[in-house]
PDB file of all heavy atoms in Angstrom:
ATOM      1  N   ALA A   1      13.506   6.740  13.335  1.00  0.00           N
ATOM      2  CA  ALA A   1      12.246   7.439  13.041  1.00  0.00           C
ATOM      3  C   ALA A   1      11.623   7.958  14.333  1.00  0.00           C
ATOM      4  O   ALA A   1      10.423   7.818  14.554  1.00  0.00           O
ATOM      5  CB  ALA A   1      11.284   6.504  12.313  1.00  0.00           C
ATOM      6  N   ASP A   2      12.448   8.589  15.165  1.00  0.00           N
ATOM      7  CA  ASP A   2      11.978   9.035  16.476  1.00  0.00           C
ATOM      8  C   ASP A   2      10.783   9.974  16.372  1.00  0.00           C
ATOM      9  O   ASP A   2       9.859   9.900  17.188  1.00  0.00           O
ATOM     10  CB  ASP A   2      13.114   9.734  17.233  1.00  0.00           C
ATOM     11  CG  ASP A   2      12.647  10.277  18.587  1.00  0.00           C
ATOM     12  OD1 ASP A   2      12.324   9.469  19.465  1.00  0.00           O
ATOM     13  OD2 ASP A   2      12.586  11.515  18.730  1.00  0.00           O
ATOM     14  N   GLU A   3      10.759  10.849  15.376  1.00  0.00           N
ATOM     15  CA  GLU A   3       9.646  11.800  15.262  1.00  0.00           C
ATOM     16  C   GLU A   3       8.320  11.068  15.102  1.00  0.00           C
ATOM     17  O   GLU A   3       7.319  11.440  15.712  1.00  0.00           O
ATOM     18  CB  GLU A   3       9.878  12.750  14.091  1.00  0.00           C
ATOM     19  CG  GLU A   3       8.810  13.826  13.975  1.00  0.00           C
ATOM     20  CD  GLU A   3       9.122  14.849  12.903  1.00  0.00           C
ATOM     21  OE1 GLU A   3      10.194  14.771  12.284  1.00  0.00           O
ATOM     22  OE2 GLU A   3       8.277  15.743  12.691  1.00  0.00           O
ATOM     23  N   ASN A   4       8.299  10.027  14.269  1.00  0.00           N
ATOM     24  CA  ASN A   4       7.067   9.253  14.099  1.00  0.00           C
ATOM     25  C   ASN A   4       6.698   8.492  15.364  1.00  0.00           C
ATOM     26  O   ASN A   4       5.515   8.411  15.733  1.00  0.00           O
ATOM     27  CB  ASN A   4       7.215   8.276  12.935  1.00  0.00           C
ATOM     28  CG  ASN A   4       7.087   8.948  11.584  1.00  0.00           C
ATOM     29  OD1 ASN A   4       6.709  10.113  11.488  1.00  0.00           O
ATOM     30  ND2 ASN A   4       7.412   8.218  10.527  1.00  0.00           N
ATOM     31  N   TRP A   5       7.678   7.908  16.040  1.00  0.00           N
ATOM     32  CA  TRP A   5       7.394   7.177  17.273  1.00  0.00           C
ATOM     33  C   TRP A   5       6.786   8.106  18.321  1.00  0.00           C
ATOM     34  O   TRP A   5       5.873   7.716  19.049  1.00  0.00           O
ATOM     35  CB  TRP A   5       8.675   6.524  17.805  1.00  0.00           C
ATOM     36  CG  TRP A   5       9.065   5.290  17.057  1.00  0.00           C
ATOM     37  CD1 TRP A   5       9.575   5.215  15.789  1.00  0.00           C
ATOM     38  CD2 TRP A   5       8.962   3.941  17.511  1.00  0.00           C
ATOM     39  NE1 TRP A   5       9.794   3.914  15.424  1.00  0.00           N
ATOM     40  CE2 TRP A   5       9.435   3.106  16.466  1.00  0.00           C
ATOM     41  CE3 TRP A   5       8.536   3.355  18.697  1.00  0.00           C
ATOM     42  CZ2 TRP A   5       9.470   1.711  16.588  1.00  0.00           C
ATOM     43  CZ3 TRP A   5       8.575   1.967  18.819  1.00  0.00           C
ATOM     44  CH2 TRP A   5       9.038   1.164  17.765  1.00  0.00           C
ATOM     45  N   GLN A   6       7.284   9.325  18.390  1.00  0.00           N
ATOM     46  CA  GLN A   6       6.743  10.291  19.338  1.00  0.00           C
ATOM     47  C   GLN A   6       5.370  10.796  18.896  1.00  0.00           C
ATOM     48  O   GLN A   6       4.430  10.884  19.698  1.00  0.00           O
ATOM     49  CB  GLN A   6       7.704  11.478  19.486  1.00  0.00           C
ATOM     50  CG  GLN A   6       9.071  11.134  20.044  1.00  0.00           C
ATOM     51  CD  GLN A   6       9.061  10.814  21.532  1.00  0.00           C
ATOM     52  OE1 GLN A   6       8.079  11.090  22.240  1.00  0.00           O
ATOM     53  NE2 GLN A   6      10.139  10.246  22.025  1.00  0.00           N
ATOM     54  N   GLU A   7       5.237  11.110  17.612  1.00  0.00           N
ATOM     55  CA  GLU A   7       3.987  11.688  17.112  1.00  0.00           C
ATOM     56  C   GLU A   7       2.833  10.701  17.187  1.00  0.00           C
ATOM     57  O   GLU A   7       1.678  11.087  17.399  1.00  0.00           O
ATOM     58  CB  GLU A   7       4.180  12.162  15.673  1.00  0.00           C
ATOM     59  CG  GLU A   7       2.981  12.886  15.101  1.00  0.00           C
ATOM     60  CD  GLU A   7       3.232  13.373  13.682  1.00  0.00           C
ATOM     61  OE1 GLU A   7       3.964  14.358  13.534  1.00  0.00           O
ATOM     62  OE2 GLU A   7       2.696  12.745  12.742  1.00  0.00           O
ATOM     63  N   ALA A   8       3.114   9.415  17.028  1.00  0.00           N
ATOM     64  CA  ALA A   8       2.057   8.397  17.044  1.00  0.00           C
ATOM     65  C   ALA A   8       1.708   7.933  18.445  1.00  0.00           C
ATOM     66  O   ALA A   8       0.824   7.076  18.606  1.00  0.00           O
ATOM     67  CB  ALA A   8       2.480   7.200  16.196  1.00  0.00           C
ATOM     68  N   SER A   9       2.355   8.475  19.460  1.00  0.00           N
ATOM     69  CA  SER A   9       2.091   8.104  20.847  1.00  0.00           C
ATOM     70  C   SER A   9       1.076   9.062  21.446  1.00  0.00           C
ATOM     71  O   SER A   9       1.392  10.218  21.751  1.00  0.00           O
ATOM     72  CB  SER A   9       3.390   8.128  21.657  1.00  0.00           C
ATOM     73  OG  SER A   9       4.306   7.155  21.180  1.00  0.00           O
ATOM     74  N   ALA A  10      -0.146   8.594  21.633  1.00  0.00           N
ATOM     75  CA  ALA A  10      -1.226   9.464  22.116  1.00  0.00           C
ATOM     76  C   ALA A  10      -0.888  10.105  23.454  1.00  0.00           C
ATOM     77  O   ALA A  10      -1.339  11.223  23.746  1.00  0.00           O
ATOM     78  CB  ALA A  10      -2.525   8.663  22.233  1.00  0.00           C
ATOM     79  N   ILE A  11      -0.096   9.435  24.258  1.00  0.00           N
ATOM     80  CA  ILE A  11       0.234   9.945  25.584  1.00  0.00           C
ATOM     81  C   ILE A  11       0.914  11.307  25.523  1.00  0.00           C
ATOM     82  O   ILE A  11       0.868  12.082  26.485  1.00  0.00           O
ATOM     83  CB  ILE A  11       1.125   8.921  26.338  1.00  0.00           C
ATOM     84  CG1 ILE A  11       1.110   9.200  27.838  1.00  0.00           C
ATOM     85  CG2 ILE A  11       2.538   8.893  25.764  1.00  0.00           C
ATOM     86  CD1 ILE A  11       1.732   8.088  28.659  1.00  0.00           C
ATOM     87  N   ASN A  12       1.524  11.639  24.387  1.00  0.00           N
ATOM     88  CA  ASN A  12       2.225  12.918  24.237  1.00  0.00           C
ATOM     89  C   ASN A  12       1.314  14.075  23.879  1.00  0.00           C
ATOM     90  O   ASN A  12       1.775  15.221  23.841  1.00  0.00           O
ATOM     91  CB  ASN A  12       3.303  12.801  23.140  1.00  0.00           C
ATOM     92  CG  ASN A  12       4.454  11.910  23.531  1.00  0.00           C
ATOM     93  OD1 ASN A  12       4.730  11.736  24.714  1.00  0.00           O
ATOM     94  ND2 ASN A  12       5.124  11.331  22.549  1.00  0.00           N
ATOM     95  N   TRP A  13       0.020  13.827  23.625  1.00  0.00           N
ATOM     96  CA  TRP A  13      -0.823  14.840  22.984  1.00  0.00           C
ATOM     97  C   TRP A  13      -2.125  15.116  23.723  1.00  0.00           C
ATOM     98  O   TRP A  13      -3.086  15.607  23.140  1.00  0.00           O
ATOM     99  CB  TRP A  13      -1.096  14.425  21.541  1.00  0.00           C
ATOM    100  CG  TRP A  13       0.162  14.111  20.802  1.00  0.00           C
ATOM    101  CD1 TRP A  13       0.685  12.868  20.536  1.00  0.00           C
ATOM    102  CD2 TRP A  13       1.118  15.035  20.300  1.00  0.00           C
ATOM    103  NE1 TRP A  13       1.880  12.977  19.885  1.00  0.00           N
ATOM    104  CE2 TRP A  13       2.186  14.301  19.724  1.00  0.00           C
ATOM    105  CE3 TRP A  13       1.170  16.439  20.267  1.00  0.00           C
ATOM    106  CZ2 TRP A  13       3.272  14.908  19.133  1.00  0.00           C
ATOM    107  CZ3 TRP A  13       2.267  17.047  19.677  1.00  0.00           C
ATOM    108  CH2 TRP A  13       3.301  16.287  19.123  1.00  0.00           C
ATOM    109  N   VAL A  14      -2.159  14.846  24.999  1.00  0.00           N
ATOM    110  CA  VAL A  14      -3.372  15.082  25.781  1.00  0.00           C
ATOM    111  C   VAL A  14      -3.610  16.578  25.960  1.00  0.00           C
ATOM    112  O   VAL A  14      -2.698  17.335  26.310  1.00  0.00           O
ATOM    113  CB  VAL A  14      -3.256  14.414  27.161  1.00  0.00           C
ATOM    114  CG1 VAL A  14      -4.430  14.806  28.054  1.00  0.00           C
ATOM    115  CG2 VAL A  14      -3.177  12.897  27.008  1.00  0.00           C
ATOM    116  N   THR A  15      -4.849  17.011  25.704  1.00  0.00           N
ATOM    117  CA  THR A  15      -5.280  18.396  25.943  1.00  0.00           C
ATOM    118  C   THR A  15      -6.716  18.351  26.461  1.00  0.00           C
ATOM    119  O   THR A  15      -7.378  17.302  26.399  1.00  0.00           O
ATOM    120  CB  THR A  15      -5.250  19.252  24.665  1.00  0.00           C
ATOM    121  OG1 THR A  15      -6.333  18.853  23.801  1.00  0.00           O
ATOM    122  CG2 THR A  15      -3.918  19.134  23.929  1.00  0.00           C
ATOM    123  N   PRO A  16      -7.252  19.471  26.939  1.00  0.00           N
ATOM    124  CA  PRO A  16      -8.665  19.481  27.338  1.00  0.00           C
ATOM    125  C   PRO A  16      -9.621  19.162  26.189  1.00  0.00           C
ATOM    126  O   PRO A  16     -10.792  18.814  26.431  1.00  0.00           O
ATOM    127  CB  PRO A  16      -8.871  20.909  27.852  1.00  0.00           C
ATOM    128  CG  PRO A  16      -7.511  21.321  28.344  1.00  0.00           C
ATOM    129  CD  PRO A  16      -6.552  20.713  27.361  1.00  0.00           C
ATOM    130  N   ALA A  17      -9.155  19.260  24.945  1.00  0.00           N
ATOM    131  CA  ALA A  17      -9.998  18.928  23.790  1.00  0.00           C
ATOM    132  C   ALA A  17     -10.031  17.439  23.492  1.00  0.00           C
ATOM    133  O   ALA A  17     -10.821  16.994  22.646  1.00  0.00           O
ATOM    134  CB  ALA A  17      -9.505  19.684  22.546  1.00  0.00           C
ATOM    135  N   SER A  18      -9.188  16.647  24.158  1.00  0.00           N
ATOM    136  CA  SER A  18      -9.161  15.211  23.917  1.00  0.00           C
ATOM    137  C   SER A  18     -10.505  14.574  24.255  1.00  0.00           C
ATOM    138  O   SER A  18     -11.209  15.016  25.161  1.00  0.00           O
ATOM    139  CB  SER A  18      -8.057  14.558  24.752  1.00  0.00           C
ATOM    140  OG  SER A  18      -6.777  15.048  24.394  1.00  0.00           O
ATOM    141  N   ALA A  19     -10.849  13.530  23.520  1.00  0.00           N
ATOM    142  CA  ALA A  19     -12.127  12.842  23.730  1.00  0.00           C
ATOM    143  C   ALA A  19     -12.055  11.912  24.937  1.00  0.00           C
ATOM    144  O   ALA A  19     -10.996  11.343  25.229  1.00  0.00           O
ATOM    145  CB  ALA A  19     -12.477  12.032  22.486  1.00  0.00           C
ATOM    146  N   PRO A  20     -13.167  11.719  25.637  1.00  0.00           N
ATOM    147  CA  PRO A  20     -13.231  10.701  26.691  1.00  0.00           C
ATOM    148  C   PRO A  20     -12.885   9.320  26.133  1.00  0.00           C
ATOM    149  O   PRO A  20     -13.218   9.002  24.983  1.00  0.00           O
ATOM    150  CB  PRO A  20     -14.687  10.755  27.150  1.00  0.00           C
ATOM    151  CG  PRO A  20     -15.155  12.119  26.766  1.00  0.00           C
ATOM    152  CD  PRO A  20     -14.431  12.457  25.501  1.00  0.00           C
ATOM    153  N   VAL A  21     -12.221   8.508  26.951  1.00  0.00           N
ATOM    154  CA  VAL A  21     -11.728   7.212  26.483  1.00  0.00           C
ATOM    155  C   VAL A  21     -12.191   6.097  27.409  1.00  0.00           C
ATOM    156  O   VAL A  21     -12.069   6.200  28.629  1.00  0.00           O
ATOM    157  CB  VAL A  21     -10.188   7.184  26.402  1.00  0.00           C
ATOM    158  CG1 VAL A  21      -9.713   5.845  25.810  1.00  0.00           C
ATOM    159  CG2 VAL A  21      -9.647   8.349  25.575  1.00  0.00           C
ATOM    160  N   CYS A  22     -12.695   5.021  26.808  1.00  0.00           N
ATOM    161  CA  CYS A  22     -13.005   3.782  27.507  1.00  0.00           C
ATOM    162  C   CYS A  22     -11.985   2.734  27.072  1.00  0.00           C
ATOM    163  O   CYS A  22     -11.878   2.416  25.880  1.00  0.00           O
ATOM    164  CB  CYS A  22     -14.410   3.315  27.158  1.00  0.00           C
ATOM    165  SG  CYS A  22     -14.844   1.693  27.805  1.00  0.00           S
ATOM    166  N   PHE A  23     -11.222   2.221  28.027  1.00  0.00           N
ATOM    167  CA  PHE A  23     -10.262   1.155  27.768  1.00  0.00           C
ATOM    168  C   PHE A  23     -10.903  -0.176  28.126  1.00  0.00           C
ATOM    169  O   PHE A  23     -11.393  -0.356  29.244  1.00  0.00           O
ATOM    170  CB  PHE A  23      -8.996   1.344  28.603  1.00  0.00           C
ATOM    171  CG  PHE A  23      -8.220   2.598  28.294  1.00  0.00           C
ATOM    172  CD1 PHE A  23      -8.401   3.738  29.062  1.00  0.00           C
ATOM    173  CD2 PHE A  23      -7.314   2.630  27.253  1.00  0.00           C
ATOM    174  CE1 PHE A  23      -7.683   4.893  28.790  1.00  0.00           C
ATOM    175  CE2 PHE A  23      -6.589   3.774  26.974  1.00  0.00           C
ATOM    176  CZ  PHE A  23      -6.773   4.916  27.741  1.00  0.00           C
ATOM    177  N   ILE A  24     -10.898  -1.115  27.178  1.00  0.00           N
ATOM    178  CA  ILE A  24     -11.390  -2.473  27.414  1.00  0.00           C
ATOM    179  C   ILE A  24     -10.221  -3.407  27.133  1.00  0.00           C
ATOM    180  O   ILE A  24      -9.704  -3.436  26.009  1.00  0.00           O
ATOM    181  CB  ILE A  24     -12.590  -2.809  26.526  1.00  0.00           C
ATOM    182  CG1 ILE A  24     -13.713  -1.775  26.710  1.00  0.00           C
ATOM    183  CG2 ILE A  24     -13.105  -4.217  26.823  1.00  0.00           C
ATOM    184  CD1 ILE A  24     -14.888  -1.972  25.764  1.00  0.00           C
ATOM    185  N   ASN A  25      -9.803  -4.164  28.150  1.00  0.00           N
ATOM    186  CA  ASN A  25      -8.541  -4.886  28.036  1.00  0.00           C
ATOM    187  C   ASN A  25      -8.633  -6.364  28.380  1.00  0.00           C
ATOM    188  O   ASN A  25      -9.473  -6.798  29.159  1.00  0.00           O
ATOM    189  CB  ASN A  25      -7.488  -4.257  28.949  1.00  0.00           C
ATOM    190  CG  ASN A  25      -7.072  -2.878  28.480  1.00  0.00           C
ATOM    191  OD1 ASN A  25      -7.377  -1.880  29.127  1.00  0.00           O
ATOM    192  ND2 ASN A  25      -6.392  -2.818  27.353  1.00  0.00           N
ATOM    193  N   SER A  26      -7.704  -7.101  27.777  1.00  0.00           N
ATOM    194  CA  SER A  26      -7.444  -8.490  28.141  1.00  0.00           C
ATOM    195  C   SER A  26      -6.556  -8.515  29.379  1.00  0.00           C
ATOM    196  O   SER A  26      -6.264  -7.475  29.979  1.00  0.00           O
ATOM    197  CB  SER A  26      -6.730  -9.190  26.980  1.00  0.00           C
ATOM    198  OG  SER A  26      -5.420  -8.650  26.815  1.00  0.00           O
ATOM    199  N   ASP A  27      -6.077  -9.704  29.725  1.00  0.00           N
ATOM    200  CA  ASP A  27      -5.165  -9.847  30.855  1.00  0.00           C
ATOM    201  C   ASP A  27      -3.701  -9.688  30.446  1.00  0.00           C
ATOM    202  O   ASP A  27      -2.806  -9.897  31.271  1.00  0.00           O
ATOM    203  CB  ASP A  27      -5.349 -11.226  31.499  1.00  0.00           C
ATOM    204  CG  ASP A  27      -6.711 -11.412  32.147  1.00  0.00           C
ATOM    205  OD1 ASP A  27      -7.348 -10.392  32.477  1.00  0.00           O
ATOM    206  OD2 ASP A  27      -7.140 -12.577  32.307  1.00  0.00           O
TER     207      ASP A  27
END
């Protein structure tokens, strides 16, 4: 299901229209 794995990966779809993102993470 490579198409879904690629399509669901946000890293592949960055554009100037993308929203600002705040990452809050554990260790």
